[in-house]
Amino acid sequence: MNSEARDDLSGKNLEIVQHMYEACARRDIEAILALLSADVEWWEPPNPFNPAAGTRHGHDGFLECARYFTLFG
């Protein structure tokens, strides 16, 4: 991959991450799902006070975690 293509890819990745942070700040679950791959692996660190801790797969797994985020802010 040449440096121009790599820079373009890096710019696109940065844009995706920025959109993800913006969607999270708005708590816009639909926008987050649109940015996540259908086979996403979502991981929350172990914590006895976090019911969303552990690894989830796919959009359904993310939605399971998101339910806890919306409950606990």
C-alpha atoms as a PDB file:
ATOM      1  CA  MET A   1       0.000   0.000   0.000  1.00  0.00           C
ATOM      2  CA  ASN A   2       1.460   3.337  -0.951  1.00  0.00           C
ATOM      3  CA  SER A   3       1.607   6.221   1.531  1.00  0.00           C
ATOM      4  CA  GLU A   4      -1.216   8.132  -0.176  1.00  0.00           C
ATOM      5  CA  ALA A   5      -3.582   5.155   0.095  1.00  0.00           C
ATOM      6  CA  ARG A   6      -2.506   4.593   3.707  1.00  0.00           C
ATOM      7  CA  ASP A   7      -3.154   8.256   4.565  1.00  0.00           C
ATOM      8  CA  ASP A   8      -6.585   8.066   2.915  1.00  0.00           C
ATOM      9  CA  LEU A   9      -7.442   4.919   4.898  1.00  0.00           C
ATOM     10  CA  SER A  10      -6.183   6.509   8.123  1.00  0.00           C
ATOM     11  CA  GLY A  11      -8.343   9.559   7.462  1.00  0.00           C
ATOM     12  CA  LYS A  12     -11.424   7.392   6.887  1.00  0.00           C
ATOM     13  CA  ASN A  13     -10.742   5.407  10.066  1.00  0.00           C
ATOM     14  CA  LEU A  14     -10.365   8.618  12.057  1.00  0.00           C
ATOM     15  CA  GLU A  15     -13.656   9.880  10.632  1.00  0.00           C
ATOM     16  CA  ILE A  16     -15.430   6.674  11.658  1.00  0.00           C
ATOM     17  CA  VAL A  17     -14.062   6.900  15.206  1.00  0.00           C
ATOM     18  CA  GLN A  18     -15.109  10.563  15.451  1.00  0.00           C
ATOM     19  CA  HIS A  19     -18.629   9.682  14.270  1.00  0.00           C
ATOM     20  CA  MET A  20     -18.758   6.854  16.826  1.00  0.00           C
ATOM     21  CA  TYR A  21     -17.812   9.192  19.693  1.00  0.00           C
ATOM     22  CA  GLU A  22     -20.386  11.737  18.523  1.00  0.00           C
ATOM     23  CA  ALA A  23     -23.108   9.076  18.301  1.00  0.00           C
ATOM     24  CA  CYS A  24     -22.209   7.788  21.779  1.00  0.00           C
ATOM     25  CA  ALA A  25     -22.383  11.317  23.199  1.00  0.00           C
ATOM     26  CA  ARG A  26     -25.878  11.678  21.703  1.00  0.00           C
ATOM     27  CA  ARG A  27     -26.784   8.145  22.867  1.00  0.00           C
ATOM     28  CA  ASP A  28     -27.855   7.516  19.289  1.00  0.00           C
ATOM     29  CA  ILE A  29     -27.994   3.725  19.203  1.00  0.00           C
ATOM     30  CA  GLU A  30     -29.122   3.578  15.568  1.00  0.00           C
ATOM     31  CA  ALA A  31     -26.155   5.688  14.443  1.00  0.00           C
ATOM     32  CA  ILE A  32     -23.778   3.514  16.461  1.00  0.00           C
ATOM     33  CA  LEU A  33     -25.173   0.334  14.889  1.00  0.00           C
ATOM     34  CA  ALA A  34     -24.761   1.868  11.438  1.00  0.00           C
ATOM     35  CA  LEU A  35     -21.045   2.315  12.172  1.00  0.00           C
ATOM     36  CA  LEU A  36     -20.504  -1.169  13.618  1.00  0.00           C
ATOM     37  CA  SER A  37     -19.876  -4.218  11.484  1.00  0.00           C
ATOM     38  CA  ALA A  38     -22.559  -6.901  11.741  1.00  0.00           C
ATOM     39  CA  ASP A  39     -19.943  -9.241  13.237  1.00  0.00           C
ATOM     40  CA  VAL A  40     -18.623  -6.738  15.796  1.00  0.00           C
ATOM     41  CA  GLU A  41     -17.080  -8.102  18.981  1.00  0.00           C
ATOM     42  CA  TRP A  42     -17.907  -5.791  21.886  1.00  0.00           C
ATOM     43  CA  TRP A  43     -15.952  -6.188  25.118  1.00  0.00           C
ATOM     44  CA  GLU A  44     -16.443  -4.613  28.517  1.00  0.00           C
ATOM     45  CA  PRO A  45     -13.829  -5.227  31.224  1.00  0.00           C
ATOM     46  CA  PRO A  46     -14.678  -7.514  34.141  1.00  0.00           C
ATOM     47  CA  ASN A  47     -16.311  -5.613  36.959  1.00  0.00           C
ATOM     48  CA  PRO A  48     -18.720  -7.016  39.564  1.00  0.00           C
ATOM     49  CA  PHE A  49     -20.736  -3.784  39.391  1.00  0.00           C
ATOM     50  CA  ASN A  50     -21.077  -3.793  35.589  1.00  0.00           C
ATOM     51  CA  PRO A  51     -23.766  -6.180  34.324  1.00  0.00           C
ATOM     52  CA  ALA A  52     -22.531  -5.552  30.760  1.00  0.00           C
ATOM     53  CA  ALA A  53     -19.059  -6.947  31.533  1.00  0.00           C
ATOM     54  CA  GLY A  54     -17.766  -9.610  29.183  1.00  0.00           C
ATOM     55  CA  THR A  55     -17.685 -10.198  25.461  1.00  0.00           C
ATOM     56  CA  ARG A  56     -20.703  -9.885  23.181  1.00  0.00           C
ATOM     57  CA  HIS A  57     -20.940 -10.584  19.448  1.00  0.00           C
ATOM     58  CA  GLY A  58     -22.851  -8.888  16.654  1.00  0.00           C
ATOM     59  CA  HIS A  59     -25.373  -6.098  16.791  1.00  0.00           C
ATOM     60  CA  ASP A  60     -27.542  -8.063  19.225  1.00  0.00           C
ATOM     61  CA  GLY A  61     -24.593  -8.392  21.587  1.00  0.00           C
ATOM     62  CA  PHE A  62     -23.901  -4.672  21.376  1.00  0.00           C
ATOM     63  CA  LEU A  63     -27.584  -3.925  22.011  1.00  0.00           C
ATOM     64  CA  GLU A  64     -27.461  -6.091  25.125  1.00  0.00           C
ATOM     65  CA  CYS A  65     -24.633  -3.900  26.452  1.00  0.00           C
ATOM     66  CA  ALA A  66     -26.319  -0.713  25.269  1.00  0.00           C
ATOM     67  CA  ARG A  67     -29.387  -1.569  27.321  1.00  0.00           C
ATOM     68  CA  TYR A  68     -27.221  -1.348  30.458  1.00  0.00           C
ATOM     69  CA  PHE A  69     -25.606   1.893  29.297  1.00  0.00           C
ATOM     70  CA  THR A  70     -29.000   3.535  28.897  1.00  0.00           C
ATOM     71  CA  LEU A  71     -30.179   2.213  32.290  1.00  0.00           C
ATOM     72  CA  PHE A  72     -27.138   3.487  34.154  1.00  0.00           C
ATOM     73  CA  GLY A  73     -26.344   6.559  32.052  1.00  0.00           C
END
